[in-house]
Amino acid sequence: MRPRYPTKNFTESEGRASVLRIYSGQLIPALLQTPAYARALLVEGREPGIDAMVEARMARQQILTKESPADLWVLLAETAMACLVGGRTVMREQLAKLLEVSELPNVMLRIVPNTAGANAGLDGPFKVIKVREGQVGYVEAPTGGRLVPEAAEVDGLLDRFDRIGAVALPVDSSRSLIKHLMEALT
């Protein structure tokens, strides 16, 4: 079977993406993280060179605000916002960033509420990126991830994204939930 889009470098593809679809169940996706949230994750992971890693992560976010920005579709599990990464102040700032980014015209952020119960997102986080040459998937794991270049597998991830989206809250309700969680942190 031929790959839909051959690549070996996820972040290079991400930087050239016209559309990104992200599902995350435990963490705020890197493209939406604040520096303090990213730092708290990296410190806990005992990563070397934290300052450079935080800076690189923040630089990746420019794809959302550059001229002709990528469209970003995010499905985020409510549980990712409940974990107090970095403490209450860091999480409140992180939730405020989610609200801010959700107002961008190229960003569609929807929350998968805990009340959704069992759903296709429980299998783990993943991404699908569309570039001029085609689409590639990326399945995340603690020690890195795995690129998914095969068309059938990418189609499976897109199907999974749609099934998760079927149980996600609408955009306005998602923003209301984020605001409610922010208020609980004061």
N, C-alpha and C. Protein backbone atom coordinates (compact mmCIF):
# COMPACT_ATOMS: atom_id res chain seq x y z
N MET A 1 0.85 -1.18 0.00
CA MET A 1 0.00 0.00 0.00
C MET A 1 0.89 1.24 0.00
N ARG A 2 0.58 2.21 -0.85
CA ARG A 2 1.36 3.43 -0.94
C ARG A 2 0.96 4.42 0.14
N PRO A 3 1.95 5.11 0.74
CA PRO A 3 1.62 6.15 1.70
C PRO A 3 0.95 7.32 1.01
N ARG A 4 0.07 7.97 1.72
CA ARG A 4 -0.60 9.15 1.20
C ARG A 4 0.39 10.31 1.13
N TYR A 5 1.26 10.42 2.12
CA TYR A 5 2.21 11.53 2.17
C TYR A 5 3.45 11.05 2.90
N PRO A 6 4.54 10.81 2.20
CA PRO A 6 5.75 10.33 2.85
C PRO A 6 6.48 11.45 3.59
N THR A 7 6.80 11.24 4.84
CA THR A 7 7.55 12.21 5.63
C THR A 7 8.22 11.50 6.78
N LYS A 8 9.27 12.09 7.30
CA LYS A 8 9.95 11.53 8.46
C LYS A 8 9.96 12.52 9.61
N ASN A 9 9.51 13.75 9.36
CA ASN A 9 9.62 14.79 10.37
C ASN A 9 8.25 15.41 10.63
N PHE A 10 7.70 15.12 11.80
CA PHE A 10 6.37 15.61 12.13
C PHE A 10 6.33 17.13 12.24
N THR A 11 7.28 17.73 12.96
CA THR A 11 7.21 19.18 13.17
C THR A 11 7.40 19.96 11.88
N GLU A 12 8.18 19.43 10.95
CA GLU A 12 8.32 20.09 9.64
C GLU A 12 6.98 20.09 8.92
N SER A 13 6.29 18.96 8.96
CA SER A 13 4.97 18.87 8.33
C SER A 13 3.98 19.79 9.03
N GLU A 14 4.04 19.82 10.35
CA GLU A 14 3.15 20.69 11.12
C GLU A 14 3.31 22.14 10.71
N GLY A 15 4.55 22.57 10.50
CA GLY A 15 4.81 23.96 10.12
C GLY A 15 4.29 24.32 8.74
N ARG A 16 4.10 23.31 7.88
CA ARG A 16 3.60 23.55 6.53
C ARG A 16 2.13 23.21 6.38
N ALA A 17 1.49 22.83 7.46
CA ALA A 17 0.11 22.34 7.39
C ALA A 17 -0.87 23.42 6.98
N SER A 18 -1.88 22.99 6.25
CA SER A 18 -3.01 23.88 5.96
C SER A 18 -4.16 23.56 6.92
N VAL A 19 -4.23 22.31 7.35
CA VAL A 19 -5.25 21.88 8.32
C VAL A 19 -4.61 20.91 9.30
N LEU A 20 -4.88 21.11 10.57
CA LEU A 20 -4.44 20.19 11.61
C LEU A 20 -5.66 19.75 12.40
N ARG A 21 -5.76 18.46 12.64
CA ARG A 21 -6.81 17.91 13.50
C ARG A 21 -6.10 17.23 14.66
N ILE A 22 -6.46 17.62 15.88
CA ILE A 22 -5.79 17.11 17.07
C ILE A 22 -6.83 16.61 18.05
N TYR A 23 -6.60 15.41 18.56
CA TYR A 23 -7.37 14.94 19.71
C TYR A 23 -6.39 14.73 20.86
N SER A 24 -6.72 15.27 22.02
CA SER A 24 -5.90 15.07 23.21
C SER A 24 -6.80 14.78 24.40
N GLY A 25 -6.44 13.75 25.13
CA GLY A 25 -7.26 13.33 26.25
C GLY A 25 -6.67 13.61 27.62
N GLN A 26 -5.35 13.84 27.70
CA GLN A 26 -4.73 14.02 29.01
C GLN A 26 -4.03 15.35 29.18
N LEU A 27 -3.55 15.92 28.09
CA LEU A 27 -2.77 17.16 28.15
C LEU A 27 -3.31 18.19 27.17
N ILE A 28 -3.04 19.44 27.47
CA ILE A 28 -3.33 20.50 26.52
C ILE A 28 -2.33 20.33 25.37
N PRO A 29 -2.79 20.34 24.12
CA PRO A 29 -1.86 20.17 22.99
C PRO A 29 -0.80 21.27 22.96
N ALA A 30 0.40 20.91 22.50
CA ALA A 30 1.53 21.85 22.48
C ALA A 30 1.21 23.15 21.76
N LEU A 31 0.40 23.10 20.70
CA LEU A 31 0.07 24.31 19.96
C LEU A 31 -0.81 25.28 20.75
N LEU A 32 -1.33 24.82 21.88
CA LEU A 32 -2.22 25.66 22.69
C LEU A 32 -1.65 25.92 24.09
N GLN A 33 -0.46 25.45 24.37
CA GLN A 33 0.11 25.57 25.72
C GLN A 33 0.68 26.95 25.98
N THR A 34 0.62 27.36 27.25
CA THR A 34 1.34 28.55 27.70
C THR A 34 2.76 28.12 28.04
N PRO A 35 3.69 29.09 28.10
CA PRO A 35 5.05 28.73 28.50
C PRO A 35 5.11 28.07 29.89
N ALA A 36 4.33 28.57 30.83
CA ALA A 36 4.37 28.01 32.19
C ALA A 36 3.84 26.57 32.22
N TYR A 37 2.80 26.29 31.47
CA TYR A 37 2.25 24.94 31.40
C TYR A 37 3.27 24.01 30.75
N ALA A 38 3.85 24.43 29.63
CA ALA A 38 4.85 23.62 28.94
C ALA A 38 6.04 23.34 29.86
N ARG A 39 6.49 24.37 30.55
CA ARG A 39 7.62 24.23 31.47
C ARG A 39 7.30 23.22 32.58
N ALA A 40 6.11 23.31 33.14
CA ALA A 40 5.73 22.39 34.21
C ALA A 40 5.74 20.94 33.71
N LEU A 41 5.28 20.72 32.50
CA LEU A 41 5.31 19.37 31.93
C LEU A 41 6.74 18.89 31.72
N LEU A 42 7.57 19.75 31.16
CA LEU A 42 8.94 19.36 30.86
C LEU A 42 9.77 19.15 32.13
N VAL A 43 9.54 19.96 33.15
CA VAL A 43 10.24 19.78 34.42
C VAL A 43 9.87 18.43 35.03
N GLU A 44 8.60 18.11 35.00
CA GLU A 44 8.14 16.83 35.55
C GLU A 44 8.72 15.66 34.76
N GLY A 45 8.89 15.84 33.47
CA GLY A 45 9.45 14.80 32.63
C GLY A 45 10.97 14.72 32.71
N ARG A 46 11.56 15.62 33.50
CA ARG A 46 13.01 15.66 33.71
C ARG A 46 13.77 15.78 32.39
N GLU A 47 13.23 16.62 31.54
CA GLU A 47 13.85 16.84 30.23
C GLU A 47 15.05 17.77 30.35
N PRO A 48 16.14 17.48 29.65
CA PRO A 48 17.28 18.41 29.64
C PRO A 48 17.00 19.56 28.68
N GLY A 49 17.60 20.72 28.93
CA GLY A 49 17.45 21.87 28.03
C GLY A 49 16.03 22.42 27.99
N ILE A 50 15.42 22.56 29.15
CA ILE A 50 14.01 22.96 29.24
C ILE A 50 13.75 24.32 28.59
N ASP A 51 14.61 25.29 28.84
CA ASP A 51 14.37 26.63 28.28
C ASP A 51 14.27 26.58 26.75
N ALA A 52 15.19 25.87 26.11
CA ALA A 52 15.17 25.77 24.65
C ALA A 52 13.94 25.01 24.18
N MET A 53 13.54 23.99 24.92
CA MET A 53 12.36 23.21 24.52
C MET A 53 11.09 24.04 24.63
N VAL A 54 10.97 24.84 25.70
CA VAL A 54 9.80 25.71 25.85
C VAL A 54 9.77 26.74 24.73
N GLU A 55 10.92 27.33 24.44
CA GLU A 55 11.00 28.32 23.37
C GLU A 55 10.61 27.71 22.02
N ALA A 56 11.09 26.51 21.74
CA ALA A 56 10.76 25.85 20.48
C ALA A 56 9.27 25.54 20.41
N ARG A 57 8.70 25.12 21.52
CA ARG A 57 7.26 24.80 21.54
C ARG A 57 6.44 26.05 21.28
N MET A 58 6.83 27.17 21.88
CA MET A 58 6.10 28.42 21.68
C MET A 58 6.26 28.90 20.23
N ALA A 59 7.43 28.70 19.64
CA ALA A 59 7.66 29.11 18.25
C ALA A 59 6.76 28.34 17.29
N ARG A 60 6.48 27.09 17.60
CA ARG A 60 5.60 26.29 16.74
C ARG A 60 4.21 26.91 16.64
N GLN A 61 3.79 27.63 17.66
CA GLN A 61 2.44 28.18 17.70
C GLN A 61 2.20 29.28 16.67
N GLN A 62 3.26 29.80 16.07
CA GLN A 62 3.10 30.88 15.08
C GLN A 62 2.28 30.43 13.88
N ILE A 63 2.16 29.13 13.64
CA ILE A 63 1.37 28.68 12.49
C ILE A 63 -0.11 29.06 12.63
N LEU A 64 -0.53 29.39 13.84
CA LEU A 64 -1.93 29.75 14.07
C LEU A 64 -2.23 31.21 13.79
N THR A 65 -1.19 32.04 13.79
CA THR A 65 -1.41 33.49 13.66
C THR A 65 -0.65 34.12 12.48
N LYS A 66 0.10 33.32 11.74
CA LYS A 66 0.83 33.87 10.60
C LYS A 66 -0.15 34.25 9.49
N GLU A 67 0.36 34.92 8.47
CA GLU A 67 -0.47 35.22 7.31
C GLU A 67 -0.87 33.88 6.68
N SER A 68 -2.12 33.74 6.32
CA SER A 68 -2.66 32.46 5.82
C SER A 68 -2.39 31.33 6.82
N PRO A 69 -2.94 31.46 8.03
CA PRO A 69 -2.66 30.46 9.06
C PRO A 69 -3.34 29.12 8.79
N ALA A 70 -2.81 28.11 9.42
CA ALA A 70 -3.41 26.78 9.33
C ALA A 70 -4.76 26.79 10.05
N ASP A 71 -5.68 25.96 9.56
CA ASP A 71 -6.92 25.72 10.28
C ASP A 71 -6.62 24.65 11.33
N LEU A 72 -7.05 24.90 12.55
CA LEU A 72 -6.80 23.97 13.64
C LEU A 72 -8.13 23.51 14.22
N TRP A 73 -8.36 22.21 14.18
CA TRP A 73 -9.54 21.59 14.75
C TRP A 73 -9.07 20.77 15.94
N VAL A 74 -9.49 21.14 17.14
CA VAL A 74 -9.05 20.44 18.34
C VAL A 74 -10.25 19.86 19.07
N LEU A 75 -10.13 18.59 19.40
CA LEU A 75 -11.05 17.93 20.32
C LEU A 75 -10.24 17.65 21.57
N LEU A 76 -10.66 18.23 22.68
CA LEU A 76 -9.91 18.14 23.93
C LEU A 76 -10.79 17.56 25.01
N ALA A 77 -10.33 16.49 25.63
CA ALA A 77 -11.09 15.87 26.71
C ALA A 77 -11.11 16.79 27.93
N GLU A 78 -12.24 16.86 28.58
CA GLU A 78 -12.38 17.67 29.79
C GLU A 78 -11.33 17.29 30.82
N THR A 79 -10.97 16.02 30.88
CA THR A 79 -9.98 15.57 31.86
C THR A 79 -8.64 16.26 31.70
N ALA A 80 -8.30 16.70 30.49
CA ALA A 80 -7.03 17.41 30.27
C ALA A 80 -7.01 18.75 30.98
N MET A 81 -8.18 19.31 31.24
CA MET A 81 -8.25 20.61 31.90
C MET A 81 -8.41 20.48 33.41
N ALA A 82 -8.68 19.27 33.87
CA ALA A 82 -8.90 19.06 35.30
C ALA A 82 -7.60 18.83 36.07
N CYS A 83 -6.57 18.37 35.38
CA CYS A 83 -5.28 18.11 36.03
C CYS A 83 -4.56 19.44 36.24
N LEU A 84 -4.19 19.74 37.46
CA LEU A 84 -3.58 21.03 37.79
C LEU A 84 -2.09 21.04 37.48
N VAL A 85 -1.75 20.97 36.21
CA VAL A 85 -0.36 21.01 35.77
C VAL A 85 0.23 22.36 36.17
N GLY A 86 1.26 22.35 37.00
CA GLY A 86 1.90 23.59 37.43
C GLY A 86 1.17 24.33 38.54
N GLY A 87 0.03 23.82 38.97
CA GLY A 87 -0.73 24.47 40.04
C GLY A 87 -1.90 25.29 39.53
N ARG A 88 -2.63 25.85 40.45
CA ARG A 88 -3.86 26.58 40.12
C ARG A 88 -3.62 27.80 39.23
N THR A 89 -2.60 28.57 39.54
CA THR A 89 -2.34 29.79 38.77
C THR A 89 -1.95 29.46 37.33
N VAL A 90 -1.09 28.47 37.17
CA VAL A 90 -0.67 28.05 35.82
C VAL A 90 -1.88 27.53 35.03
N MET A 91 -2.72 26.74 35.69
CA MET A 91 -3.88 26.19 34.99
C MET A 91 -4.89 27.26 34.64
N ARG A 92 -5.08 28.22 35.52
CA ARG A 92 -6.01 29.31 35.21
C ARG A 92 -5.51 30.08 33.98
N GLU A 93 -4.21 30.36 33.95
CA GLU A 93 -3.61 31.03 32.79
C GLU A 93 -3.76 30.17 31.54
N GLN A 94 -3.59 28.86 31.70
CA GLN A 94 -3.71 27.96 30.55
C GLN A 94 -5.14 27.93 30.01
N LEU A 95 -6.11 27.90 30.90
CA LEU A 95 -7.50 27.92 30.47
C LEU A 95 -7.84 29.23 29.78
N ALA A 96 -7.29 30.33 30.27
CA ALA A 96 -7.50 31.64 29.63
C ALA A 96 -6.92 31.61 28.21
N LYS A 97 -5.78 30.97 28.04
CA LYS A 97 -5.17 30.86 26.70
C LYS A 97 -6.08 30.04 25.78
N LEU A 98 -6.68 28.96 26.30
CA LEU A 98 -7.60 28.17 25.49
C LEU A 98 -8.75 29.04 24.99
N LEU A 99 -9.30 29.85 25.87
CA LEU A 99 -10.40 30.74 25.47
C LEU A 99 -9.93 31.73 24.41
N GLU A 100 -8.77 32.30 24.63
CA GLU A 100 -8.23 33.29 23.69
C GLU A 100 -8.02 32.66 22.30
N VAL A 101 -7.39 31.52 22.26
CA VAL A 101 -7.11 30.85 20.99
C VAL A 101 -8.41 30.40 20.32
N SER A 102 -9.39 30.01 21.12
CA SER A 102 -10.66 29.54 20.55
C SER A 102 -11.41 30.64 19.82
N GLU A 103 -11.04 31.87 20.04
CA GLU A 103 -11.68 33.01 19.36
C GLU A 103 -11.04 33.30 18.00
N LEU A 104 -9.90 32.68 17.71
CA LEU A 104 -9.28 32.89 16.40
C LEU A 104 -10.19 32.30 15.32
N PRO A 105 -10.31 32.96 14.18
CA PRO A 105 -11.23 32.47 13.14
C PRO A 105 -10.82 31.14 12.53
N ASN A 106 -9.56 30.76 12.66
CA ASN A 106 -9.07 29.51 12.07
C ASN A 106 -9.00 28.36 13.09
N VAL A 107 -9.50 28.59 14.30
CA VAL A 107 -9.43 27.57 15.34
C VAL A 107 -10.83 27.13 15.75
N MET A 108 -11.01 25.83 15.79
CA MET A 108 -12.27 25.22 16.24
C MET A 108 -11.91 24.33 17.43
N LEU A 109 -12.24 24.78 18.64
CA LEU A 109 -11.93 24.03 19.85
C LEU A 109 -13.22 23.53 20.48
N ARG A 110 -13.30 22.21 20.61
CA ARG A 110 -14.48 21.59 21.22
C ARG A 110 -14.02 20.65 22.33
N ILE A 111 -14.76 20.66 23.40
CA ILE A 111 -14.43 19.84 24.57
C ILE A 111 -15.27 18.57 24.56
N VAL A 112 -14.60 17.46 24.84
CA VAL A 112 -15.29 16.19 25.03
C VAL A 112 -15.55 16.07 26.53
N PRO A 113 -16.82 16.24 26.95
CA PRO A 113 -17.11 16.26 28.38
C PRO A 113 -16.93 14.87 29.00
N ASN A 114 -16.64 14.87 30.30
CA ASN A 114 -16.52 13.61 31.02
C ASN A 114 -17.81 12.80 30.92
N THR A 115 -18.93 13.50 30.79
CA THR A 115 -20.23 12.81 30.71
C THR A 115 -20.39 12.02 29.41
N ALA A 116 -19.48 12.21 28.44
CA ALA A 116 -19.55 11.45 27.19
C ALA A 116 -19.29 9.97 27.43
N GLY A 117 -18.65 9.66 28.55
CA GLY A 117 -18.39 8.25 28.87
C GLY A 117 -17.41 7.63 27.90
N ALA A 118 -17.56 6.32 27.67
CA ALA A 118 -16.67 5.62 26.76
C ALA A 118 -16.81 6.20 25.35
N ASN A 119 -15.66 6.50 24.74
CA ASN A 119 -15.67 7.05 23.38
C ASN A 119 -14.36 6.70 22.69
N ALA A 120 -14.28 6.97 21.41
CA ALA A 120 -13.11 6.60 20.62
C ALA A 120 -11.84 7.33 21.03
N GLY A 121 -11.96 8.39 21.83
CA GLY A 121 -10.79 9.12 22.28
C GLY A 121 -10.03 8.44 23.40
N LEU A 122 -10.65 7.51 24.05
CA LEU A 122 -10.00 6.86 25.19
C LEU A 122 -8.79 6.01 24.77
N ASP A 123 -8.66 5.74 23.48
CA ASP A 123 -7.52 4.96 23.00
C ASP A 123 -6.22 5.77 22.97
N GLY A 124 -6.30 7.09 23.09
CA GLY A 124 -5.09 7.89 23.15
C GLY A 124 -5.07 9.04 22.17
N PRO A 125 -4.10 9.96 22.36
CA PRO A 125 -4.01 11.17 21.55
C PRO A 125 -3.46 10.89 20.15
N PHE A 126 -3.89 11.72 19.21
CA PHE A 126 -3.40 11.61 17.83
C PHE A 126 -3.64 12.90 17.09
N LYS A 127 -2.98 13.00 15.92
CA LYS A 127 -3.10 14.18 15.07
C LYS A 127 -3.17 13.73 13.63
N VAL A 128 -3.83 14.53 12.81
CA VAL A 128 -3.80 14.36 11.36
C VAL A 128 -3.48 15.73 10.77
N ILE A 129 -2.46 15.76 9.93
CA ILE A 129 -2.02 17.01 9.34
C ILE A 129 -2.20 16.94 7.82
N LYS A 130 -2.76 18.01 7.27
CA LYS A 130 -2.91 18.10 5.82
C LYS A 130 -1.93 19.13 5.29
N VAL A 131 -1.12 18.70 4.34
CA VAL A 131 -0.21 19.59 3.62
C VAL A 131 -0.51 19.43 2.13
N ARG A 132 0.15 20.21 1.32
CA ARG A 132 -0.11 20.17 -0.13
C ARG A 132 0.01 18.76 -0.69
N GLU A 133 0.99 17.99 -0.21
CA GLU A 133 1.23 16.65 -0.76
C GLU A 133 0.24 15.59 -0.30
N GLY A 134 -0.53 15.87 0.73
CA GLY A 134 -1.48 14.88 1.24
C GLY A 134 -1.66 15.02 2.74
N GLN A 135 -1.90 13.89 3.38
CA GLN A 135 -2.14 13.89 4.83
C GLN A 135 -1.25 12.85 5.50
N VAL A 136 -0.90 13.13 6.73
CA VAL A 136 -0.13 12.19 7.55
C VAL A 136 -0.72 12.23 8.95
N GLY A 137 -0.71 11.09 9.60
CA GLY A 137 -1.17 11.02 10.98
C GLY A 137 0.02 10.91 11.92
N TYR A 138 -0.25 11.14 13.17
CA TYR A 138 0.77 11.02 14.21
C TYR A 138 0.08 10.51 15.46
N VAL A 139 0.54 9.40 15.98
CA VAL A 139 -0.01 8.82 17.19
C VAL A 139 1.01 9.06 18.29
N GLU A 140 0.58 9.68 19.37
CA GLU A 140 1.51 10.05 20.43
C GLU A 140 1.73 8.92 21.41
N ALA A 141 2.93 8.94 22.01
CA ALA A 141 3.31 7.97 23.03
C ALA A 141 4.31 8.63 23.97
N PRO A 142 4.49 8.10 25.19
CA PRO A 142 5.39 8.74 26.16
C PRO A 142 6.83 8.91 25.68
N THR A 143 7.35 8.01 24.89
CA THR A 143 8.73 8.11 24.44
C THR A 143 8.85 8.71 23.05
N GLY A 144 7.86 9.39 22.61
CA GLY A 144 7.84 9.98 21.28
C GLY A 144 6.52 9.64 20.63
N GLY A 145 6.53 9.38 19.38
CA GLY A 145 5.30 9.04 18.70
C GLY A 145 5.60 8.25 17.46
N ARG A 146 4.58 7.99 16.71
CA ARG A 146 4.72 7.21 15.48
C ARG A 146 4.00 7.94 14.37
N LEU A 147 4.72 8.23 13.29
CA LEU A 147 4.10 8.78 12.10
C LEU A 147 3.23 7.72 11.46
N VAL A 148 2.11 8.15 10.92
CA VAL A 148 1.17 7.25 10.26
C VAL A 148 1.00 7.75 8.83
N PRO A 149 1.84 7.26 7.90
CA PRO A 149 1.77 7.76 6.52
C PRO A 149 0.80 6.98 5.62
N GLU A 150 0.43 5.78 6.00
CA GLU A 150 -0.42 4.95 5.15
C GLU A 150 -1.82 5.53 5.06
N ALA A 151 -2.34 5.62 3.85
CA ALA A 151 -3.64 6.25 3.61
C ALA A 151 -4.75 5.60 4.41
N ALA A 152 -4.77 4.28 4.48
CA ALA A 152 -5.85 3.59 5.20
C ALA A 152 -5.80 3.90 6.69
N GLU A 153 -4.60 3.98 7.26
CA GLU A 153 -4.48 4.31 8.68
C GLU A 153 -4.88 5.76 8.95
N VAL A 154 -4.48 6.66 8.06
CA VAL A 154 -4.86 8.07 8.20
C VAL A 154 -6.38 8.19 8.12
N ASP A 155 -6.99 7.49 7.19
CA ASP A 155 -8.45 7.51 7.09
C ASP A 155 -9.09 6.99 8.37
N GLY A 156 -8.48 5.97 8.98
CA GLY A 156 -8.98 5.45 10.26
C GLY A 156 -8.90 6.50 11.36
N LEU A 157 -7.81 7.27 11.38
CA LEU A 157 -7.70 8.34 12.38
C LEU A 157 -8.74 9.43 12.13
N LEU A 158 -8.98 9.77 10.87
CA LEU A 158 -10.00 10.77 10.55
C LEU A 158 -11.38 10.29 10.97
N ASP A 159 -11.66 9.03 10.75
CA ASP A 159 -12.94 8.44 11.19
C ASP A 159 -13.06 8.52 12.71
N ARG A 160 -11.97 8.17 13.38
CA ARG A 160 -11.96 8.25 14.86
C ARG A 160 -12.19 9.68 15.33
N PHE A 161 -11.55 10.65 14.66
CA PHE A 161 -11.73 12.07 15.00
C PHE A 161 -13.20 12.45 14.88
N ASP A 162 -13.85 12.01 13.81
CA ASP A 162 -15.27 12.31 13.61
C ASP A 162 -16.13 11.67 14.70
N ARG A 163 -15.80 10.44 15.10
CA ARG A 163 -16.59 9.77 16.13
C ARG A 163 -16.42 10.45 17.49
N ILE A 164 -15.22 10.94 17.77
CA ILE A 164 -15.01 11.70 19.01
C ILE A 164 -15.78 13.01 18.93
N GLY A 165 -15.71 13.66 17.78
CA GLY A 165 -16.43 14.91 17.59
C GLY A 165 -17.93 14.77 17.77
N ALA A 166 -18.46 13.59 17.49
CA ALA A 166 -19.90 13.36 17.63
C ALA A 166 -20.35 13.45 19.08
N VAL A 167 -19.44 13.25 20.04
CA VAL A 167 -19.82 13.33 21.45
C VAL A 167 -19.27 14.59 22.12
N ALA A 168 -18.55 15.43 21.35
CA ALA A 168 -18.00 16.67 21.90
C ALA A 168 -19.07 17.75 22.00
N LEU A 169 -18.83 18.69 22.88
CA LEU A 169 -19.73 19.83 23.04
C LEU A 169 -19.58 20.77 21.84
N PRO A 170 -20.64 21.52 21.51
CA PRO A 170 -20.50 22.57 20.50
C PRO A 170 -19.51 23.64 20.99
N VAL A 171 -19.04 24.48 20.09
CA VAL A 171 -18.03 25.49 20.40
C VAL A 171 -18.45 26.38 21.56
N ASP A 172 -19.66 26.95 21.54
CA ASP A 172 -20.09 27.86 22.60
C ASP A 172 -20.18 27.15 23.95
N SER A 173 -20.69 25.94 23.96
CA SER A 173 -20.77 25.18 25.20
C SER A 173 -19.38 24.81 25.70
N SER A 174 -18.46 24.58 24.79
CA SER A 174 -17.08 24.28 25.16
C SER A 174 -16.45 25.49 25.86
N ARG A 175 -16.67 26.68 25.29
CA ARG A 175 -16.14 27.89 25.93
C ARG A 175 -16.77 28.10 27.31
N SER A 176 -18.05 27.82 27.43
CA SER A 176 -18.71 27.96 28.73
C SER A 176 -18.11 27.02 29.76
N LEU A 177 -17.81 25.80 29.36
CA LEU A 177 -17.20 24.85 30.28
C LEU A 177 -15.81 25.31 30.70
N ILE A 178 -15.02 25.82 29.75
CA ILE A 178 -13.69 26.34 30.09
C ILE A 178 -13.80 27.48 31.08
N LYS A 179 -14.74 28.40 30.85
CA LYS A 179 -14.94 29.52 31.79
C LYS A 179 -15.35 29.03 33.16
N HIS A 180 -16.20 28.04 33.22
CA HIS A 180 -16.63 27.46 34.50
C HIS A 180 -15.43 26.85 35.24
N LEU A 181 -14.58 26.13 34.53
CA LEU A 181 -13.40 25.53 35.16
C LEU A 181 -12.42 26.61 35.63
N MET A 182 -12.33 27.70 34.88
CA MET A 182 -11.47 28.82 35.30
C MET A 182 -11.96 29.43 36.59
N GLU A 183 -13.27 29.65 36.67
CA GLU A 183 -13.86 30.25 37.86
C GLU A 183 -13.65 29.37 39.09
N ALA A 184 -13.65 28.08 38.90
CA ALA A 184 -13.42 27.15 40.01
C ALA A 184 -11.99 27.24 40.54
N LEU A 185 -11.09 27.80 39.75
CA LEU A 185 -9.69 27.91 40.18
C LEU A 185 -9.39 29.21 40.92
N THR A 186 -10.37 30.08 41.08
CA THR A 186 -10.11 31.35 41.80
C THR A 186 -10.29 31.20 43.27
